[in-house]
Amino acid sequence: MNDAEVREEGFFENKSKELEVKVKELQYDLAELQKTNSELLERCKKLGSRQPNWPRGYRPQRYTQKNASR
């Protein structure tokens, strides 16, 4: 092996290690995001399925064509 081949092999070995570290970082970030996503999904389901709590005396009205002609 001459010097150029050794340098080229070292270059690609270093590049490979850098990419492996980057993949590990991205896998960790993905795991955190998936955990956060599942927690938020549970909260959304809980909030979306509960009965609305209107203020006292407030009566929500639906917009209909009958009300629009006034």
PDB file of N, CA and C in Angstrom:
ATOM      1  N   MET A   1       0.850  -1.187   0.000  1.00  0.00           N
ATOM      2  CA  MET A   1       0.000   0.000   0.000  1.00  0.00           C
ATOM      3  C   MET A   1       0.883   1.233   0.000  1.00  0.00           C
ATOM      4  N   ASN A   2       0.534   2.115  -0.846  1.00  0.00           N
ATOM      5  CA  ASN A   2       1.304   3.357  -0.838  1.00  0.00           C
ATOM      6  C   ASN A   2       0.596   4.403   0.029  1.00  0.00           C
ATOM      7  N   ASP A   3       1.201   5.526   0.165  1.00  0.00           N
ATOM      8  CA  ASP A   3       0.715   6.581   1.060  1.00  0.00           C
ATOM      9  C   ASP A   3      -0.668   7.088   0.645  1.00  0.00           C
ATOM     10  N   ALA A   4      -0.928   7.199  -0.633  1.00  0.00           N
ATOM     11  CA  ALA A   4      -2.219   7.706  -1.117  1.00  0.00           C
ATOM     12  C   ALA A   4      -3.354   6.760  -0.747  1.00  0.00           C
ATOM     13  N   GLU A   5      -3.102   5.460  -0.861  1.00  0.00           N
ATOM     14  CA  GLU A   5      -4.140   4.485  -0.516  1.00  0.00           C
ATOM     15  C   GLU A   5      -4.434   4.504   0.979  1.00  0.00           C
ATOM     16  N   VAL A   6      -3.424   4.638   1.787  1.00  0.00           N
ATOM     17  CA  VAL A   6      -3.601   4.698   3.241  1.00  0.00           C
ATOM     18  C   VAL A   6      -4.387   5.941   3.618  1.00  0.00           C
ATOM     19  N   ARG A   7      -4.043   7.059   3.015  1.00  0.00           N
ATOM     20  CA  ARG A   7      -4.757   8.318   3.311  1.00  0.00           C
ATOM     21  C   ARG A   7      -6.212   8.225   2.887  1.00  0.00           C
ATOM     22  N   GLU A   8      -6.441   7.635   1.718  1.00  0.00           N
ATOM     23  CA  GLU A   8      -7.821   7.509   1.221  1.00  0.00           C
ATOM     24  C   GLU A   8      -8.627   6.586   2.132  1.00  0.00           C
ATOM     25  N   GLU A   9      -8.027   5.484   2.544  1.00  0.00           N
ATOM     26  CA  GLU A   9      -8.712   4.550   3.443  1.00  0.00           C
ATOM     27  C   GLU A   9      -9.025   5.219   4.782  1.00  0.00           C
ATOM     28  N   GLY A  10      -8.075   5.974   5.320  1.00  0.00           N
ATOM     29  CA  GLY A  10      -8.291   6.696   6.577  1.00  0.00           C
ATOM     30  C   GLY A  10      -9.382   7.744   6.442  1.00  0.00           C
ATOM     31  N   PHE A  11      -9.411   8.409   5.304  1.00  0.00           N
ATOM     32  CA  PHE A  11     -10.430   9.425   5.062  1.00  0.00           C
ATOM     33  C   PHE A  11     -11.824   8.804   5.097  1.00  0.00           C
ATOM     34  N   PHE A  12     -11.997   7.693   4.382  1.00  0.00           N
ATOM     35  CA  PHE A  12     -13.315   7.063   4.324  1.00  0.00           C
ATOM     36  C   PHE A  12     -13.691   6.409   5.648  1.00  0.00           C
ATOM     37  N   GLU A  13     -12.699   5.910   6.380  1.00  0.00           N
ATOM     38  CA  GLU A  13     -12.977   5.344   7.696  1.00  0.00           C
ATOM     39  C   GLU A  13     -13.476   6.437   8.646  1.00  0.00           C
ATOM     40  N   ASN A  14     -12.832   7.586   8.614  1.00  0.00           N
ATOM     41  CA  ASN A  14     -13.248   8.716   9.446  1.00  0.00           C
ATOM     42  C   ASN A  14     -14.634   9.199   9.043  1.00  0.00           C
ATOM     43  N   LYS A  15     -14.879   9.289   7.744  1.00  0.00           N
ATOM     44  CA  LYS A  15     -16.183   9.728   7.255  1.00  0.00           C
ATOM     45  C   LYS A  15     -17.272   8.758   7.717  1.00  0.00           C
ATOM     46  N   SER A  16     -16.976   7.464   7.677  1.00  0.00           N
ATOM     47  CA  SER A  16     -17.921   6.444   8.109  1.00  0.00           C
ATOM     48  C   SER A  16     -18.254   6.601   9.598  1.00  0.00           C
ATOM     49  N   LYS A  17     -17.238   6.843  10.424  1.00  0.00           N
ATOM     50  CA  LYS A  17     -17.474   7.026  11.861  1.00  0.00           C
ATOM     51  C   LYS A  17     -18.305   8.273  12.131  1.00  0.00           C
ATOM     52  N   GLU A  18     -18.038   9.351  11.404  1.00  0.00           N
ATOM     53  CA  GLU A  18     -18.815  10.578  11.562  1.00  0.00           C
ATOM     54  C   GLU A  18     -20.281  10.337  11.218  1.00  0.00           C
ATOM     55  N   LEU A  19     -20.524   9.605  10.141  1.00  0.00           N
ATOM     56  CA  LEU A  19     -21.902   9.323   9.734  1.00  0.00           C
ATOM     57  C   LEU A  19     -22.613   8.414  10.736  1.00  0.00           C
ATOM     58  N   GLU A  20     -21.878   7.457  11.322  1.00  0.00           N
ATOM     59  CA  GLU A  20     -22.479   6.606  12.340  1.00  0.00           C
ATOM     60  C   GLU A  20     -22.888   7.415  13.562  1.00  0.00           C
ATOM     61  N   VAL A  21     -22.046   8.377  13.969  1.00  0.00           N
ATOM     62  CA  VAL A  21     -22.385   9.247  15.098  1.00  0.00           C
ATOM     63  C   VAL A  21     -23.619  10.080  14.764  1.00  0.00           C
ATOM     64  N   LYS A  22     -23.673  10.594  13.546  1.00  0.00           N
ATOM     65  CA  LYS A  22     -24.822  11.403  13.118  1.00  0.00           C
ATOM     66  C   LYS A  22     -26.106  10.581  13.126  1.00  0.00           C
ATOM     67  N   VAL A  23     -26.028   9.334  12.677  1.00  0.00           N
ATOM     68  CA  VAL A  23     -27.200   8.446  12.672  1.00  0.00           C
ATOM     69  C   VAL A  23     -27.673   8.204  14.099  1.00  0.00           C
ATOM     70  N   LYS A  24     -26.745   7.971  15.020  1.00  0.00           N
ATOM     71  CA  LYS A  24     -27.129   7.748  16.424  1.00  0.00           C
ATOM     72  C   LYS A  24     -27.824   8.984  17.004  1.00  0.00           C
ATOM     73  N   GLU A  25     -27.309  10.176  16.690  1.00  0.00           N
ATOM     74  CA  GLU A  25     -27.938  11.412  17.177  1.00  0.00           C
ATOM     75  C   GLU A  25     -29.355  11.545  16.619  1.00  0.00           C
ATOM     76  N   LEU A  26     -29.515  11.256  15.339  1.00  0.00           N
ATOM     77  CA  LEU A  26     -30.833  11.370  14.717  1.00  0.00           C
ATOM     78  C   LEU A  26     -31.808  10.332  15.268  1.00  0.00           C
ATOM     79  N   GLN A  27     -31.317   9.140  15.570  1.00  0.00           N
ATOM     80  CA  GLN A  27     -32.178   8.122  16.165  1.00  0.00           C
ATOM     81  C   GLN A  27     -32.648   8.562  17.542  1.00  0.00           C
ATOM     82  N   TYR A  28     -31.766   9.186  18.314  1.00  0.00           N
ATOM     83  CA  TYR A  28     -32.148   9.680  19.637  1.00  0.00           C
ATOM     84  C   TYR A  28     -33.189  10.792  19.507  1.00  0.00           C
ATOM     85  N   ASP A  29     -32.968  11.725  18.580  1.00  0.00           N
ATOM     86  CA  ASP A  29     -33.936  12.800  18.363  1.00  0.00           C
ATOM     87  C   ASP A  29     -35.286  12.242  17.937  1.00  0.00           C
ATOM     88  N   LEU A  30     -35.274  11.240  17.079  1.00  0.00           N
ATOM     89  CA  LEU A  30     -36.514  10.626  16.619  1.00  0.00           C
ATOM     90  C   LEU A  30     -37.257   9.973  17.780  1.00  0.00           C
ATOM     91  N   ALA A  31     -36.545   9.290  18.652  1.00  0.00           N
ATOM     92  CA  ALA A  31     -37.179   8.655  19.806  1.00  0.00           C
ATOM     93  C   ALA A  31     -37.825   9.697  20.717  1.00  0.00           C
ATOM     94  N   GLU A  32     -37.147  10.812  20.933  1.00  0.00           N
ATOM     95  CA  GLU A  32     -37.729  11.881  21.757  1.00  0.00           C
ATOM     96  C   GLU A  32     -38.986  12.442  21.116  1.00  0.00           C
ATOM     97  N   LEU A  33     -38.943  12.670  19.803  1.00  0.00           N
ATOM     98  CA  LEU A  33     -40.106  13.216  19.106  1.00  0.00           C
ATOM     99  C   LEU A  33     -41.281  12.242  19.123  1.00  0.00           C
ATOM    100  N   GLN A  34     -41.001  10.962  18.980  1.00  0.00           N
ATOM    101  CA  GLN A  34     -42.083   9.980  19.022  1.00  0.00           C
ATOM    102  C   GLN A  34     -42.725   9.939  20.400  1.00  0.00           C
ATOM    103  N   LYS A  35     -41.920  10.047  21.450  1.00  0.00           N
ATOM    104  CA  LYS A  35     -42.456  10.048  22.814  1.00  0.00           C
ATOM    105  C   LYS A  35     -43.336  11.282  23.033  1.00  0.00           C
ATOM    106  N   THR A  36     -42.834  12.440  22.619  1.00  0.00           N
ATOM    107  CA  THR A  36     -43.607  13.678  22.763  1.00  0.00           C
ATOM    108  C   THR A  36     -44.896  13.611  21.951  1.00  0.00           C
ATOM    109  N   ASN A  37     -44.799  13.058  20.741  1.00  0.00           N
ATOM    110  CA  ASN A  37     -45.969  12.940  19.889  1.00  0.00           C
ATOM    111  C   ASN A  37     -47.032  12.060  20.536  1.00  0.00           C
ATOM    112  N   SER A  38     -46.635  10.948  21.135  1.00  0.00           N
ATOM    113  CA  SER A  38     -47.618  10.065  21.765  1.00  0.00           C
ATOM    114  C   SER A  38     -48.263  10.743  22.973  1.00  0.00           C
ATOM    115  N   GLU A  39     -47.478  11.504  23.734  1.00  0.00           N
ATOM    116  CA  GLU A  39     -48.047  12.226  24.876  1.00  0.00           C
ATOM    117  C   GLU A  39     -49.058  13.268  24.410  1.00  0.00           C
ATOM    118  N   LEU A  40     -48.713  14.016  23.361  1.00  0.00           N
ATOM    119  CA  LEU A  40     -49.633  15.035  22.857  1.00  0.00           C
ATOM    120  C   LEU A  40     -50.875  14.410  22.230  1.00  0.00           C
ATOM    121  N   LEU A  41     -50.726  13.254  21.606  1.00  0.00           N
ATOM    122  CA  LEU A  41     -51.868  12.565  21.026  1.00  0.00           C
ATOM    123  C   LEU A  41     -52.865  12.168  22.107  1.00  0.00           C
ATOM    124  N   GLU A  42     -52.360  11.668  23.235  1.00  0.00           N
ATOM    125  CA  GLU A  42     -53.234  11.321  24.355  1.00  0.00           C
ATOM    126  C   GLU A  42     -53.968  12.554  24.879  1.00  0.00           C
ATOM    127  N   ARG A  43     -53.255  13.673  25.003  1.00  0.00           N
ATOM    128  CA  ARG A  43     -53.891  14.901  25.489  1.00  0.00           C
ATOM    129  C   ARG A  43     -54.960  15.386  24.529  1.00  0.00           C
ATOM    130  N   CYS A  44     -54.679  15.312  23.228  1.00  0.00           N
ATOM    131  CA  CYS A  44     -55.666  15.749  22.235  1.00  0.00           C
ATOM    132  C   CYS A  44     -56.913  14.879  22.280  1.00  0.00           C
ATOM    133  N   LYS A  45     -56.734  13.572  22.416  1.00  0.00           N
ATOM    134  CA  LYS A  45     -57.893  12.678  22.511  1.00  0.00           C
ATOM    135  C   LYS A  45     -58.726  13.001  23.744  1.00  0.00           C
ATOM    136  N   LYS A  46     -58.042  13.245  24.859  1.00  0.00           N
ATOM    137  CA  LYS A  46     -58.744  13.552  26.103  1.00  0.00           C
ATOM    138  C   LYS A  46     -59.516  14.871  25.982  1.00  0.00           C
ATOM    139  N   LEU A  47     -58.861  15.900  25.455  1.00  0.00           N
ATOM    140  CA  LEU A  47     -59.515  17.200  25.339  1.00  0.00           C
ATOM    141  C   LEU A  47     -60.601  17.189  24.270  1.00  0.00           C
ATOM    142  N   GLY A  48     -60.401  16.429  23.208  1.00  0.00           N
ATOM    143  CA  GLY A  48     -61.376  16.391  22.126  1.00  0.00           C
ATOM    144  C   GLY A  48     -62.629  15.622  22.464  1.00  0.00           C
ATOM    145  N   SER A  49     -62.557  14.729  23.433  1.00  0.00           N
ATOM    146  CA  SER A  49     -63.711  13.896  23.749  1.00  0.00           C
ATOM    147  C   SER A  49     -64.506  14.391  24.956  1.00  0.00           C
ATOM    148  N   ARG A  50     -64.041  15.414  25.635  1.00  0.00           N
ATOM    149  CA  ARG A  50     -64.773  15.849  26.823  1.00  0.00           C
ATOM    150  C   ARG A  50     -65.901  16.820  26.455  1.00  0.00           C
ATOM    151  N   GLN A  51     -66.866  16.893  27.326  1.00  0.00           N
ATOM    152  CA  GLN A  51     -68.006  17.792  27.160  1.00  0.00           C
ATOM    153  C   GLN A  51     -67.546  19.228  27.393  1.00  0.00           C
ATOM    154  N   PRO A  52     -67.941  20.166  26.516  1.00  0.00           N
ATOM    155  CA  PRO A  52     -67.519  21.555  26.740  1.00  0.00           C
ATOM    156  C   PRO A  52     -68.133  22.130  28.011  1.00  0.00           C
ATOM    157  N   ASN A  53     -67.386  22.958  28.677  1.00  0.00           N
ATOM    158  CA  ASN A  53     -67.839  23.571  29.918  1.00  0.00           C
ATOM    159  C   ASN A  53     -68.111  25.040  29.623  1.00  0.00           C
ATOM    160  N   TRP A  54     -69.371  25.368  29.326  1.00  0.00           N
ATOM    161  CA  TRP A  54     -69.739  26.736  28.974  1.00  0.00           C
ATOM    162  C   TRP A  54     -69.875  27.586  30.230  1.00  0.00           C
ATOM    163  N   PRO A  55     -69.615  28.886  30.124  1.00  0.00           N
ATOM    164  CA  PRO A  55     -69.834  29.783  31.274  1.00  0.00           C
ATOM    165  C   PRO A  55     -71.315  29.830  31.646  1.00  0.00           C
ATOM    166  N   ARG A  56     -71.591  30.163  32.879  1.00  0.00           N
ATOM    167  CA  ARG A  56     -72.964  30.193  33.367  1.00  0.00           C
ATOM    168  C   ARG A  56     -73.781  31.223  32.587  1.00  0.00           C
ATOM    169  N   GLY A  57     -74.938  30.804  32.117  1.00  0.00           N
ATOM    170  CA  GLY A  57     -75.834  31.687  31.387  1.00  0.00           C
ATOM    171  C   GLY A  57     -75.538  31.778  29.896  1.00  0.00           C
ATOM    172  N   TYR A  58     -74.491  31.165  29.413  1.00  0.00           N
ATOM    173  CA  TYR A  58     -74.150  31.222  27.987  1.00  0.00           C
ATOM    174  C   TYR A  58     -74.851  30.099  27.257  1.00  0.00           C
ATOM    175  N   ARG A  59     -75.567  30.449  26.199  1.00  0.00           N
ATOM    176  CA  ARG A  59     -76.254  29.445  25.390  1.00  0.00           C
ATOM    177  C   ARG A  59     -75.778  29.575  23.945  1.00  0.00           C
ATOM    178  N   PRO A  60     -74.925  28.660  23.504  1.00  0.00           N
ATOM    179  CA  PRO A  60     -74.441  28.738  22.119  1.00  0.00           C
ATOM    180  C   PRO A  60     -75.581  28.485  21.131  1.00  0.00           C
ATOM    181  N   GLN A  61     -75.614  29.268  20.062  1.00  0.00           N
ATOM    182  CA  GLN A  61     -76.658  29.120  19.049  1.00  0.00           C
ATOM    183  C   GLN A  61     -76.010  28.750  17.728  1.00  0.00           C
ATOM    184  N   ARG A  62     -76.687  27.888  17.018  1.00  0.00           N
ATOM    185  CA  ARG A  62     -76.193  27.489  15.710  1.00  0.00           C
ATOM    186  C   ARG A  62     -76.665  28.483  14.671  1.00  0.00           C
ATOM    187  N   TYR A  63     -75.847  28.705  13.666  1.00  0.00           N
ATOM    188  CA  TYR A  63     -76.183  29.607  12.575  1.00  0.00           C
ATOM    189  C   TYR A  63     -77.006  28.825  11.561  1.00  0.00           C
ATOM    190  N   THR A  64     -78.237  29.247  11.368  1.00  0.00           N
ATOM    191  CA  THR A  64     -79.106  28.574  10.385  1.00  0.00           C
ATOM    192  C   THR A  64     -79.631  29.604   9.397  1.00  0.00           C
ATOM    193  N   GLN A  65     -80.251  29.157   8.350  1.00  0.00           N
ATOM    194  CA  GLN A  65     -80.820  30.050   7.341  1.00  0.00           C
ATOM    195  C   GLN A  65     -81.961  30.869   7.935  1.00  0.00           C
ATOM    196  N   LYS A  66     -82.697  30.315   8.871  1.00  0.00           N
ATOM    197  CA  LYS A  66     -83.796  31.015   9.516  1.00  0.00           C
ATOM    198  C   LYS A  66     -83.286  32.247  10.267  1.00  0.00           C
ATOM    199  N   ASN A  67     -82.170  32.113  10.936  1.00  0.00           N
ATOM    200  CA  ASN A  67     -81.573  33.232  11.677  1.00  0.00           C
ATOM    201  C   ASN A  67     -80.939  34.249  10.731  1.00  0.00           C
ATOM    202  N   ALA A  68     -80.527  33.845   9.552  1.00  0.00           N
ATOM    203  CA  ALA A  68     -79.848  34.744   8.624  1.00  0.00           C
ATOM    204  C   ALA A  68     -80.820  35.713   7.945  1.00  0.00           C
ATOM    205  N   SER A  69     -82.109  35.370   7.871  1.00  0.00           N
ATOM    206  CA  SER A  69     -83.063  36.233   7.166  1.00  0.00           C
ATOM    207  C   SER A  69     -83.492  37.431   8.008  1.00  0.00           C
ATOM    208  N   ARG A  70     -83.145  37.500   9.231  1.00  0.00           N
ATOM    209  CA  ARG A  70     -83.544  38.630  10.094  1.00  0.00           C
ATOM    210  C   ARG A  70     -82.832  39.881   9.773  1.00  0.00           C
TER     211      ARG A  70
END
